[in-house]
Amino acid sequence: MSKYTAFRCPEDLLDLAKVKAKKDRRSLSNYIITLIEKDVDPVELKEEQAAKPAKGKKG
């Protein structure tokens, strides 16, 4: 599942990212998601999610 997210980006960086995405034959969105996935440790994310208390429960 994905969720729409918007953020501000300097124009020169956006232009460079678009060129890089095109060279990689990716959409800009897919290119950015790929970069984030490479930077974020999936194990770390799972640990953070496990540490969060369930909604509606106190603890």
Protein backbone atom coordinates (compact mmCIF):
# COMPACT_ATOMS: atom_id res chain seq x y z
CA MET A 1 0.00 0.00 0.00
CA SER A 2 1.27 3.47 -0.73
CA LYS A 3 0.27 6.92 0.39
CA TYR A 4 0.52 10.19 -1.50
CA THR A 5 3.17 12.51 -0.06
CA ALA A 6 4.28 15.93 -1.22
CA PHE A 7 7.40 17.84 -0.24
CA ARG A 8 9.34 20.87 -1.37
CA CYS A 9 12.55 20.33 -3.27
CA PRO A 10 15.06 22.82 -4.69
CA GLU A 11 14.50 23.12 -8.45
CA ASP A 12 18.11 22.32 -9.37
CA LEU A 13 18.03 19.12 -7.29
CA LEU A 14 14.65 18.16 -8.78
CA ASP A 15 15.99 18.63 -12.30
CA LEU A 16 19.02 16.47 -11.56
CA ALA A 17 16.84 13.77 -9.98
CA LYS A 18 14.58 13.72 -13.05
CA VAL A 19 17.60 13.25 -15.33
CA LYS A 20 18.95 10.44 -13.15
CA ALA A 21 15.54 8.75 -13.00
CA LYS A 22 15.23 8.93 -16.78
CA LYS A 23 18.71 7.40 -17.23
CA ASP A 24 17.67 4.57 -14.89
CA ARG A 25 14.40 4.18 -16.85
CA ARG A 26 12.38 4.90 -13.72
CA SER A 27 9.67 7.35 -12.79
CA LEU A 28 10.77 10.14 -10.49
CA SER A 29 8.60 8.67 -7.75
CA ASN A 30 10.12 5.21 -8.13
CA TYR A 31 13.62 6.68 -8.20
CA ILE A 32 13.05 8.55 -4.92
CA ILE A 33 11.45 5.52 -3.25
CA THR A 34 14.41 3.38 -4.30
CA LEU A 35 16.85 5.87 -2.77
CA ILE A 36 14.90 5.96 0.49
CA GLU A 37 14.71 2.16 0.63
CA LYS A 38 18.49 1.92 0.19
CA ASP A 39 19.03 4.41 3.00
CA VAL A 40 16.56 3.00 5.53
CA ASP A 41 17.38 -0.22 7.35
CA PRO A 42 14.32 -2.52 7.12
CA VAL A 43 15.24 -4.25 10.39
CA GLU A 44 15.35 -0.88 12.13
CA LEU A 45 11.87 -0.04 10.81
CA LYS A 46 10.44 -3.34 12.07
CA GLU A 47 11.94 -2.73 15.52
CA GLU A 48 10.43 0.78 15.67
CA GLN A 49 7.00 -0.49 14.61
CA ALA A 50 7.13 -3.29 17.19
CA ALA A 51 8.00 -0.78 19.92
CA LYS A 52 4.96 1.42 19.20
CA PRO A 53 1.96 0.67 21.44
CA ALA A 54 -1.19 -0.39 19.64
CA LYS A 55 -3.76 2.36 19.06
CA GLY A 56 -6.37 2.57 21.75
CA LYS A 57 -4.20 0.80 24.34
CA LYS A 58 -2.40 2.57 27.13
CA GLY A 59 1.08 1.52 27.99
